[in-house]
Amino acid sequence: METLADPAAIVLGSCPGEGKVSLVAAFTPGVVDQGIQAGKFIGQIAKLCGGGGGGRPNFAQAGGRKPDNLADALEKAKSELIAHLGENGN
């Protein structure tokens, strides 16, 4: 995260095994300062995959049981971050 412009957000998702979803979110201080906390954010996104999660304001992990919903969950994460931070993070 140190090499990214601030504000920046990274959300990753994977299907590590049958019936499993893993999600991770990492936010720079500029994102957290704008009121988005990684723990709360990824917890809401994970609900779309039949799971939950949490963590710190700048880094969080989550899991779920519906891998078929992962693409939609990641798209939702992207659209929410863009809506809140703007196309250029402003």
PDB file of N, CA and C in Angstrom:
ATOM      1  N   MET A   1       0.818  -1.187   0.000  1.00  0.00           N
ATOM      2  CA  MET A   1       0.000   0.000   0.000  1.00  0.00           C
ATOM      3  C   MET A   1       0.869   1.261   0.000  1.00  0.00           C
ATOM      4  N   GLU A   2       2.102   1.164   0.468  1.00  0.00           N
ATOM      5  CA  GLU A   2       2.949   2.345   0.565  1.00  0.00           C
ATOM      6  C   GLU A   2       3.254   2.960  -0.791  1.00  0.00           C
ATOM      7  N   THR A   3       3.233   2.170  -1.866  1.00  0.00           N
ATOM      8  CA  THR A   3       3.581   2.690  -3.182  1.00  0.00           C
ATOM      9  C   THR A   3       2.378   3.238  -3.945  1.00  0.00           C
ATOM     10  N   LEU A   4       1.186   3.102  -3.410  1.00  0.00           N
ATOM     11  CA  LEU A   4      -0.017   3.602  -4.067  1.00  0.00           C
ATOM     12  C   LEU A   4      -0.284   5.044  -3.676  1.00  0.00           C
ATOM     13  N   ALA A   5      -0.901   5.778  -4.594  1.00  0.00           N
ATOM     14  CA  ALA A   5      -1.348   7.129  -4.269  1.00  0.00           C
ATOM     15  C   ALA A   5      -2.443   7.034  -3.218  1.00  0.00           C
ATOM     16  N   ASP A   6      -2.539   8.047  -2.393  1.00  0.00           N
ATOM     17  CA  ASP A   6      -3.532   8.055  -1.319  1.00  0.00           C
ATOM     18  C   ASP A   6      -4.615   9.057  -1.688  1.00  0.00           C
ATOM     19  N   PRO A   7      -5.880   8.710  -1.733  1.00  0.00           N
ATOM     20  CA  PRO A   7      -6.485   7.483  -1.234  1.00  0.00           C
ATOM     21  C   PRO A   7      -6.457   6.358  -2.266  1.00  0.00           C
ATOM     22  N   ALA A   8      -6.307   5.132  -1.770  1.00  0.00           N
ATOM     23  CA  ALA A   8      -6.343   3.938  -2.617  1.00  0.00           C
ATOM     24  C   ALA A   8      -6.967   2.794  -1.827  1.00  0.00           C
ATOM     25  N   ALA A   9      -7.639   1.920  -2.553  1.00  0.00           N
ATOM     26  CA  ALA A   9      -8.281   0.760  -1.928  1.00  0.00           C
ATOM     27  C   ALA A   9      -8.018  -0.469  -2.785  1.00  0.00           C
ATOM     28  N   ILE A  10      -7.750  -1.574  -2.116  1.00  0.00           N
ATOM     29  CA  ILE A  10      -7.579  -2.857  -2.792  1.00  0.00           C
ATOM     30  C   ILE A  10      -8.577  -3.837  -2.178  1.00  0.00           C
ATOM     31  N   VAL A  11      -9.350  -4.494  -3.036  1.00  0.00           N
ATOM     32  CA  VAL A  11     -10.269  -5.546  -2.593  1.00  0.00           C
ATOM     33  C   VAL A  11      -9.990  -6.760  -3.468  1.00  0.00           C
ATOM     34  N   LEU A  12      -9.657  -7.867  -2.829  1.00  0.00           N
ATOM     35  CA  LEU A  12      -9.360  -9.106  -3.545  1.00  0.00           C
ATOM     36  C   LEU A  12     -10.339 -10.193  -3.130  1.00  0.00           C
ATOM     37  N   GLY A  13     -10.666 -11.051  -4.069  1.00  0.00           N
ATOM     38  CA  GLY A  13     -11.532 -12.176  -3.762  1.00  0.00           C
ATOM     39  C   GLY A  13     -11.038 -13.428  -4.447  1.00  0.00           C
ATOM     40  N   SER A  14     -11.258 -14.565  -3.807  1.00  0.00           N
ATOM     41  CA  SER A  14     -10.870 -15.841  -4.405  1.00  0.00           C
ATOM     42  C   SER A  14     -11.804 -16.941  -3.920  1.00  0.00           C
ATOM     43  N   CYS A  15     -11.726 -18.058  -4.611  1.00  0.00           N
ATOM     44  CA  CYS A  15     -12.464 -19.264  -4.221  1.00  0.00           C
ATOM     45  C   CYS A  15     -11.422 -20.337  -3.916  1.00  0.00           C
ATOM     46  N   PRO A  16     -10.977 -20.425  -2.663  1.00  0.00           N
ATOM     47  CA  PRO A  16      -9.889 -21.337  -2.316  1.00  0.00           C
ATOM     48  C   PRO A  16     -10.272 -22.815  -2.293  1.00  0.00           C
ATOM     49  N   GLY A  17     -11.532 -23.104  -2.363  1.00  0.00           N
ATOM     50  CA  GLY A  17     -11.983 -24.492  -2.361  1.00  0.00           C
ATOM     51  C   GLY A  17     -13.455 -24.543  -2.660  1.00  0.00           C
ATOM     52  N   GLU A  18     -13.965 -25.725  -2.876  1.00  0.00           N
ATOM     53  CA  GLU A  18     -15.374 -25.879  -3.211  1.00  0.00           C
ATOM     54  C   GLU A  18     -16.255 -25.319  -2.099  1.00  0.00           C
ATOM     55  N   GLY A  19     -17.152 -24.425  -2.482  1.00  0.00           N
ATOM     56  CA  GLY A  19     -18.078 -23.850  -1.516  1.00  0.00           C
ATOM     57  C   GLY A  19     -17.465 -22.835  -0.585  1.00  0.00           C
ATOM     58  N   LYS A  20     -16.317 -22.263  -0.960  1.00  0.00           N
ATOM     59  CA  LYS A  20     -15.654 -21.287  -0.093  1.00  0.00           C
ATOM     60  C   LYS A  20     -15.302 -20.027  -0.867  1.00  0.00           C
ATOM     61  N   VAL A  21     -15.394 -18.901  -0.160  1.00  0.00           N
ATOM     62  CA  VAL A  21     -14.998 -17.605  -0.695  1.00  0.00           C
ATOM     63  C   VAL A  21     -14.092 -16.940   0.329  1.00  0.00           C
ATOM     64  N   SER A  22     -13.024 -16.315  -0.157  1.00  0.00           N
ATOM     65  CA  SER A  22     -12.155 -15.507   0.698  1.00  0.00           C
ATOM     66  C   SER A  22     -12.089 -14.102   0.124  1.00  0.00           C
ATOM     67  N   LEU A  23     -12.195 -13.111   0.997  1.00  0.00           N
ATOM     68  CA  LEU A  23     -12.123 -11.710   0.600  1.00  0.00           C
ATOM     69  C   LEU A  23     -11.138 -10.981   1.501  1.00  0.00           C
ATOM     70  N   VAL A  24     -10.442 -10.006   0.925  1.00  0.00           N
ATOM     71  CA  VAL A  24      -9.511  -9.172   1.675  1.00  0.00           C
ATOM     72  C   VAL A  24      -9.682  -7.740   1.189  1.00  0.00           C
ATOM     73  N   ALA A  25      -9.632  -6.787   2.116  1.00  0.00           N
ATOM     74  CA  ALA A  25      -9.669  -5.368   1.767  1.00  0.00           C
ATOM     75  C   ALA A  25      -8.531  -4.656   2.479  1.00  0.00           C
ATOM     76  N   ALA A  26      -7.835  -3.790   1.746  1.00  0.00           N
ATOM     77  CA  ALA A  26      -6.779  -2.961   2.319  1.00  0.00           C
ATOM     78  C   ALA A  26      -6.997  -1.533   1.843  1.00  0.00           C
ATOM     79  N   PHE A  27      -7.061  -0.597   2.777  1.00  0.00           N
ATOM     80  CA  PHE A  27      -7.329   0.804   2.473  1.00  0.00           C
ATOM     81  C   PHE A  27      -6.196   1.676   2.986  1.00  0.00           C
ATOM     82  N   THR A  28      -5.833   2.693   2.207  1.00  0.00           N
ATOM     83  CA  THR A  28      -4.854   3.668   2.672  1.00  0.00           C
ATOM     84  C   THR A  28      -5.513   4.596   3.695  1.00  0.00           C
ATOM     85  N   PRO A  29      -4.710   5.341   4.451  1.00  0.00           N
ATOM     86  CA  PRO A  29      -5.286   6.270   5.434  1.00  0.00           C
ATOM     87  C   PRO A  29      -6.272   7.270   4.819  1.00  0.00           C
ATOM     88  N   GLY A  30      -6.042   7.672   3.576  1.00  0.00           N
ATOM     89  CA  GLY A  30      -6.951   8.612   2.929  1.00  0.00           C
ATOM     90  C   GLY A  30      -8.351   8.064   2.741  1.00  0.00           C
ATOM     91  N   VAL A  31      -8.474   6.772   2.528  1.00  0.00           N
ATOM     92  CA  VAL A  31      -9.792   6.138   2.406  1.00  0.00           C
ATOM     93  C   VAL A  31     -10.464   6.097   3.770  1.00  0.00           C
ATOM     94  N   VAL A  32      -9.717   5.676   4.776  1.00  0.00           N
ATOM     95  CA  VAL A  32     -10.255   5.608   6.139  1.00  0.00           C
ATOM     96  C   VAL A  32     -10.682   7.001   6.600  1.00  0.00           C
ATOM     97  N   ASP A  33      -9.892   8.017   6.262  1.00  0.00           N
ATOM     98  CA  ASP A  33     -10.220   9.395   6.640  1.00  0.00           C
ATOM     99  C   ASP A  33     -11.520   9.875   6.003  1.00  0.00           C
ATOM    100  N   GLN A  34     -11.904   9.255   4.888  1.00  0.00           N
ATOM    101  CA  GLN A  34     -13.160   9.616   4.223  1.00  0.00           C
ATOM    102  C   GLN A  34     -14.345   8.818   4.766  1.00  0.00           C
ATOM    103  N   GLY A  35     -14.109   8.049   5.816  1.00  0.00           N
ATOM    104  CA  GLY A  35     -15.209   7.379   6.498  1.00  0.00           C
ATOM    105  C   GLY A  35     -15.483   5.948   6.087  1.00  0.00           C
ATOM    106  N   ILE A  36     -14.604   5.346   5.297  1.00  0.00           N
ATOM    107  CA  ILE A  36     -14.802   3.952   4.904  1.00  0.00           C
ATOM    108  C   ILE A  36     -13.815   3.096   5.687  1.00  0.00           C
ATOM    109  N   GLN A  37     -14.331   2.181   6.486  1.00  0.00           N
ATOM    110  CA  GLN A  37     -13.483   1.282   7.263  1.00  0.00           C
ATOM    111  C   GLN A  37     -13.488  -0.095   6.612  1.00  0.00           C
ATOM    112  N   ALA A  38     -12.313  -0.651   6.420  1.00  0.00           N
ATOM    113  CA  ALA A  38     -12.179  -1.935   5.726  1.00  0.00           C
ATOM    114  C   ALA A  38     -12.990  -3.040   6.396  1.00  0.00           C
ATOM    115  N   GLY A  39     -12.960  -3.111   7.723  1.00  0.00           N
ATOM    116  CA  GLY A  39     -13.678  -4.170   8.432  1.00  0.00           C
ATOM    117  C   GLY A  39     -15.168  -4.147   8.172  1.00  0.00           C
ATOM    118  N   LYS A  40     -15.761  -2.987   8.291  1.00  0.00           N
ATOM    119  CA  LYS A  40     -17.200  -2.862   8.048  1.00  0.00           C
ATOM    120  C   LYS A  40     -17.522  -3.069   6.573  1.00  0.00           C
ATOM    121  N   PHE A  41     -16.678  -2.516   5.708  1.00  0.00           N
ATOM    122  CA  PHE A  41     -16.907  -2.601   4.271  1.00  0.00           C
ATOM    123  C   PHE A  41     -16.881  -4.054   3.797  1.00  0.00           C
ATOM    124  N   ILE A  42     -15.823  -4.785   4.130  1.00  0.00           N
ATOM    125  CA  ILE A  42     -15.700  -6.156   3.634  1.00  0.00           C
ATOM    126  C   ILE A  42     -16.748  -7.070   4.269  1.00  0.00           C
ATOM    127  N   GLY A  43     -17.171  -6.758   5.486  1.00  0.00           N
ATOM    128  CA  GLY A  43     -18.242  -7.524   6.115  1.00  0.00           C
ATOM    129  C   GLY A  43     -19.537  -7.432   5.332  1.00  0.00           C
ATOM    130  N   GLN A  44     -19.848  -6.234   4.835  1.00  0.00           N
ATOM    131  CA  GLN A  44     -21.056  -6.050   4.033  1.00  0.00           C
ATOM    132  C   GLN A  44     -20.937  -6.748   2.681  1.00  0.00           C
ATOM    133  N   ILE A  45     -19.768  -6.653   2.068  1.00  0.00           N
ATOM    134  CA  ILE A  45     -19.559  -7.315   0.776  1.00  0.00           C
ATOM    135  C   ILE A  45     -19.645  -8.831   0.941  1.00  0.00           C
ATOM    136  N   ALA A  46     -19.099  -9.356   2.021  1.00  0.00           N
ATOM    137  CA  ALA A  46     -19.112 -10.805   2.266  1.00  0.00           C
ATOM    138  C   ALA A  46     -20.526 -11.347   2.429  1.00  0.00           C
ATOM    139  N   LYS A  47     -21.445 -10.529   2.904  1.00  0.00           N
ATOM    140  CA  LYS A  47     -22.833 -10.984   3.038  1.00  0.00           C
ATOM    141  C   LYS A  47     -23.405 -11.417   1.696  1.00  0.00           C
ATOM    142  N   LEU A  48     -22.946 -10.784   0.620  1.00  0.00           N
ATOM    143  CA  LEU A  48     -23.406 -11.161  -0.715  1.00  0.00           C
ATOM    144  C   LEU A  48     -22.948 -12.570  -1.090  1.00  0.00           C
ATOM    145  N   CYS A  49     -21.901 -13.046  -0.431  1.00  0.00           N
ATOM    146  CA  CYS A  49     -21.364 -14.395  -0.672  1.00  0.00           C
ATOM    147  C   CYS A  49     -21.760 -15.355   0.437  1.00  0.00           C
ATOM    148  N   GLY A  50     -22.761 -14.992   1.219  1.00  0.00           N
ATOM    149  CA  GLY A  50     -23.230 -15.869   2.278  1.00  0.00           C
ATOM    150  C   GLY A  50     -22.288 -15.973   3.451  1.00  0.00           C
ATOM    151  N   GLY A  51     -21.596 -14.900   3.750  1.00  0.00           N
ATOM    152  CA  GLY A  51     -20.627 -14.953   4.848  1.00  0.00           C
ATOM    153  C   GLY A  51     -20.546 -13.656   5.611  1.00  0.00           C
ATOM    154  N   GLY A  52     -19.405 -13.447   6.220  1.00  0.00           N
ATOM    155  CA  GLY A  52     -19.161 -12.249   7.001  1.00  0.00           C
ATOM    156  C   GLY A  52     -17.685 -12.119   7.272  1.00  0.00           C
ATOM    157  N   GLY A  53     -17.346 -11.040   7.924  1.00  0.00           N
ATOM    158  CA  GLY A  53     -15.940 -10.807   8.233  1.00  0.00           C
ATOM    159  C   GLY A  53     -15.770  -9.509   8.964  1.00  0.00           C
ATOM    160  N   GLY A  54     -14.536  -9.104   9.097  1.00  0.00           N
ATOM    161  CA  GLY A  54     -14.234  -7.859   9.777  1.00  0.00           C
ATOM    162  C   GLY A  54     -12.745  -7.694   9.930  1.00  0.00           C
ATOM    163  N   GLY A  55     -12.386  -6.659  10.662  1.00  0.00           N
ATOM    164  CA  GLY A  55     -10.973  -6.378  10.868  1.00  0.00           C
ATOM    165  C   GLY A  55     -10.763  -4.942  11.273  1.00  0.00           C
ATOM    166  N   ARG A  56      -9.593  -4.457  10.982  1.00  0.00           N
ATOM    167  CA  ARG A  56      -9.211  -3.092  11.342  1.00  0.00           C
ATOM    168  C   ARG A  56      -9.739  -2.101  10.301  1.00  0.00           C
ATOM    169  N   PRO A  57      -9.676  -0.812  10.611  1.00  0.00           N
ATOM    170  CA  PRO A  57     -10.122   0.180   9.635  1.00  0.00           C
ATOM    171  C   PRO A  57      -9.346   0.141   8.314  1.00  0.00           C
ATOM    172  N   ASN A  58      -8.069  -0.259   8.365  1.00  0.00           N
ATOM    173  CA  ASN A  58      -7.259  -0.250   7.148  1.00  0.00           C
ATOM    174  C   ASN A  58      -7.060  -1.630   6.509  1.00  0.00           C
ATOM    175  N   PHE A  59      -7.388  -2.711   7.216  1.00  0.00           N
ATOM    176  CA  PHE A  59      -7.195  -4.054   6.662  1.00  0.00           C
ATOM    177  C   PHE A  59      -8.201  -5.019   7.274  1.00  0.00           C
ATOM    178  N   ALA A  60      -8.812  -5.845   6.414  1.00  0.00           N
ATOM    179  CA  ALA A  60      -9.818  -6.782   6.917  1.00  0.00           C
ATOM    180  C   ALA A  60      -9.905  -8.004   6.018  1.00  0.00           C
ATOM    181  N   GLN A  61     -10.444  -9.078   6.593  1.00  0.00           N
ATOM    182  CA  GLN A  61     -10.646 -10.331   5.874  1.00  0.00           C
ATOM    183  C   GLN A  61     -12.072 -10.815   6.091  1.00  0.00           C
ATOM    184  N   ALA A  62     -12.551 -11.598   5.123  1.00  0.00           N
ATOM    185  CA  ALA A  62     -13.900 -12.150   5.235  1.00  0.00           C
ATOM    186  C   ALA A  62     -13.956 -13.472   4.488  1.00  0.00           C
ATOM    187  N   GLY A  63     -15.022 -14.195   4.730  1.00  0.00           N
ATOM    188  CA  GLY A  63     -15.241 -15.456   4.044  1.00  0.00           C
ATOM    189  C   GLY A  63     -16.712 -15.652   3.761  1.00  0.00           C
ATOM    190  N   GLY A  64     -16.990 -16.597   2.895  1.00  0.00           N
ATOM    191  CA  GLY A  64     -18.372 -16.892   2.552  1.00  0.00           C
ATOM    192  C   GLY A  64     -18.508 -18.311   2.038  1.00  0.00           C
ATOM    193  N   ARG A  65     -19.753 -18.679   1.731  1.00  0.00           N
ATOM    194  CA  ARG A  65     -20.065 -20.039   1.298  1.00  0.00           C
ATOM    195  C   ARG A  65     -20.711 -20.095  -0.090  1.00  0.00           C
ATOM    196  N   LYS A  66     -20.766 -18.958  -0.785  1.00  0.00           N
ATOM    197  CA  LYS A  66     -21.431 -18.923  -2.089  1.00  0.00           C
ATOM    198  C   LYS A  66     -20.475 -18.380  -3.155  1.00  0.00           C
ATOM    199  N   PRO A  67     -19.579 -19.223  -3.670  1.00  0.00           N
ATOM    200  CA  PRO A  67     -18.614 -18.744  -4.654  1.00  0.00           C
ATOM    201  C   PRO A  67     -19.244 -18.238  -5.951  1.00  0.00           C
ATOM    202  N   ASP A  68     -20.435 -18.700  -6.272  1.00  0.00           N
ATOM    203  CA  ASP A  68     -21.096 -18.222  -7.486  1.00  0.00           C
ATOM    204  C   ASP A  68     -21.422 -16.734  -7.410  1.00  0.00           C
ATOM    205  N   ASN A  69     -21.444 -16.165  -6.209  1.00  0.00           N
ATOM    206  CA  ASN A  69     -21.770 -14.751  -6.030  1.00  0.00           C
ATOM    207  C   ASN A  69     -20.531 -13.861  -5.973  1.00  0.00           C
ATOM    208  N   LEU A  70     -19.334 -14.445  -6.085  1.00  0.00           N
ATOM    209  CA  LEU A  70     -18.107 -13.665  -5.901  1.00  0.00           C
ATOM    210  C   LEU A  70     -17.962 -12.542  -6.917  1.00  0.00           C
ATOM    211  N   ALA A  71     -18.196 -12.805  -8.182  1.00  0.00           N
ATOM    212  CA  ALA A  71     -18.043 -11.769  -9.207  1.00  0.00           C
ATOM    213  C   ALA A  71     -18.966 -10.585  -8.931  1.00  0.00           C
ATOM    214  N   ASP A  72     -20.207 -10.857  -8.577  1.00  0.00           N
ATOM    215  CA  ASP A  72     -21.144  -9.776  -8.262  1.00  0.00           C
ATOM    216  C   ASP A  72     -20.716  -9.019  -7.013  1.00  0.00           C
ATOM    217  N   ALA A  73     -20.186  -9.726  -6.025  1.00  0.00           N
ATOM    218  CA  ALA A  73     -19.735  -9.078  -4.791  1.00  0.00           C
ATOM    219  C   ALA A  73     -18.557  -8.149  -5.068  1.00  0.00           C
ATOM    220  N   LEU A  74     -17.615  -8.589  -5.897  1.00  0.00           N
ATOM    221  CA  LEU A  74     -16.472  -7.736  -6.233  1.00  0.00           C
ATOM    222  C   LEU A  74     -16.906  -6.528  -7.057  1.00  0.00           C
ATOM    223  N   GLU A  75     -17.868  -6.719  -7.941  1.00  0.00           N
ATOM    224  CA  GLU A  75     -18.391  -5.590  -8.721  1.00  0.00           C
ATOM    225  C   GLU A  75     -19.085  -4.586  -7.805  1.00  0.00           C
ATOM    226  N   LYS A  76     -19.826  -5.084  -6.824  1.00  0.00           N
ATOM    227  CA  LYS A  76     -20.481  -4.211  -5.838  1.00  0.00           C
ATOM    228  C   LYS A  76     -19.436  -3.434  -5.047  1.00  0.00           C
ATOM    229  N   ALA A  77     -18.364  -4.096  -4.635  1.00  0.00           N
ATOM    230  CA  ALA A  77     -17.295  -3.418  -3.904  1.00  0.00           C
ATOM    231  C   ALA A  77     -16.705  -2.296  -4.753  1.00  0.00           C
ATOM    232  N   LYS A  78     -16.434  -2.594  -6.005  1.00  0.00           N
ATOM    233  CA  LYS A  78     -15.872  -1.591  -6.914  1.00  0.00           C
ATOM    234  C   LYS A  78     -16.807  -0.401  -7.075  1.00  0.00           C
ATOM    235  N   SER A  79     -18.077  -0.662  -7.341  1.00  0.00           N
ATOM    236  CA  SER A  79     -19.020   0.434  -7.573  1.00  0.00           C
ATOM    237  C   SER A  79     -19.216   1.282  -6.320  1.00  0.00           C
ATOM    238  N   GLU A  80     -19.243   0.655  -5.144  1.00  0.00           N
ATOM    239  CA  GLU A  80     -19.398   1.426  -3.908  1.00  0.00           C
ATOM    240  C   GLU A  80     -18.179   2.295  -3.635  1.00  0.00           C
ATOM    241  N   LEU A  81     -16.993   1.760  -3.865  1.00  0.00           N
ATOM    242  CA  LEU A  81     -15.781   2.554  -3.646  1.00  0.00           C
ATOM    243  C   LEU A  81     -15.701   3.717  -4.628  1.00  0.00           C
ATOM    244  N   ILE A  82     -16.018   3.464  -5.890  1.00  0.00           N
ATOM    245  CA  ILE A  82     -16.001   4.544  -6.879  1.00  0.00           C
ATOM    246  C   ILE A  82     -17.038   5.599  -6.532  1.00  0.00           C
ATOM    247  N   ALA A  83     -18.224   5.176  -6.111  1.00  0.00           N
ATOM    248  CA  ALA A  83     -19.266   6.137  -5.747  1.00  0.00           C
ATOM    249  C   ALA A  83     -18.831   7.009  -4.574  1.00  0.00           C
ATOM    250  N   HIS A  84     -18.148   6.414  -3.618  1.00  0.00           N
ATOM    251  CA  HIS A  84     -17.748   7.168  -2.428  1.00  0.00           C
ATOM    252  C   HIS A  84     -16.484   7.989  -2.658  1.00  0.00           C
ATOM    253  N   LEU A  85     -15.519   7.415  -3.349  1.00  0.00           N
ATOM    254  CA  LEU A  85     -14.231   8.084  -3.524  1.00  0.00           C
ATOM    255  C   LEU A  85     -14.122   8.834  -4.843  1.00  0.00           C
ATOM    256  N   GLY A  86     -14.959   8.497  -5.798  1.00  0.00           N
ATOM    257  CA  GLY A  86     -14.870   9.109  -7.114  1.00  0.00           C
ATOM    258  C   GLY A  86     -13.928   8.324  -8.004  1.00  0.00           C
ATOM    259  N   GLU A  87     -14.005   8.564  -9.287  1.00  0.00           N
ATOM    260  CA  GLU A  87     -13.173   7.860 -10.264  1.00  0.00           C
ATOM    261  C   GLU A  87     -11.688   8.019  -9.970  1.00  0.00           C
ATOM    262  N   ASN A  88     -11.280   9.187  -9.495  1.00  0.00           N
ATOM    263  CA  ASN A  88      -9.866   9.459  -9.257  1.00  0.00           C
ATOM    264  C   ASN A  88      -9.516   9.500  -7.789  1.00  0.00           C
ATOM    265  N   GLY A  89     -10.381   8.975  -6.946  1.00  0.00           N
ATOM    266  CA  GLY A  89     -10.095   8.967  -5.519  1.00  0.00           C
ATOM    267  C   GLY A  89     -10.363  10.279  -4.828  1.00  0.00           C
ATOM    268  N   ASN A  90     -11.106  11.159  -5.467  1.00  0.00           N
ATOM    269  CA  ASN A  90     -11.404  12.469  -4.858  1.00  0.00           C
ATOM    270  C   ASN A  90     -12.845  12.542  -4.418  1.00  0.00           C
TER     271      ASN A  90
END
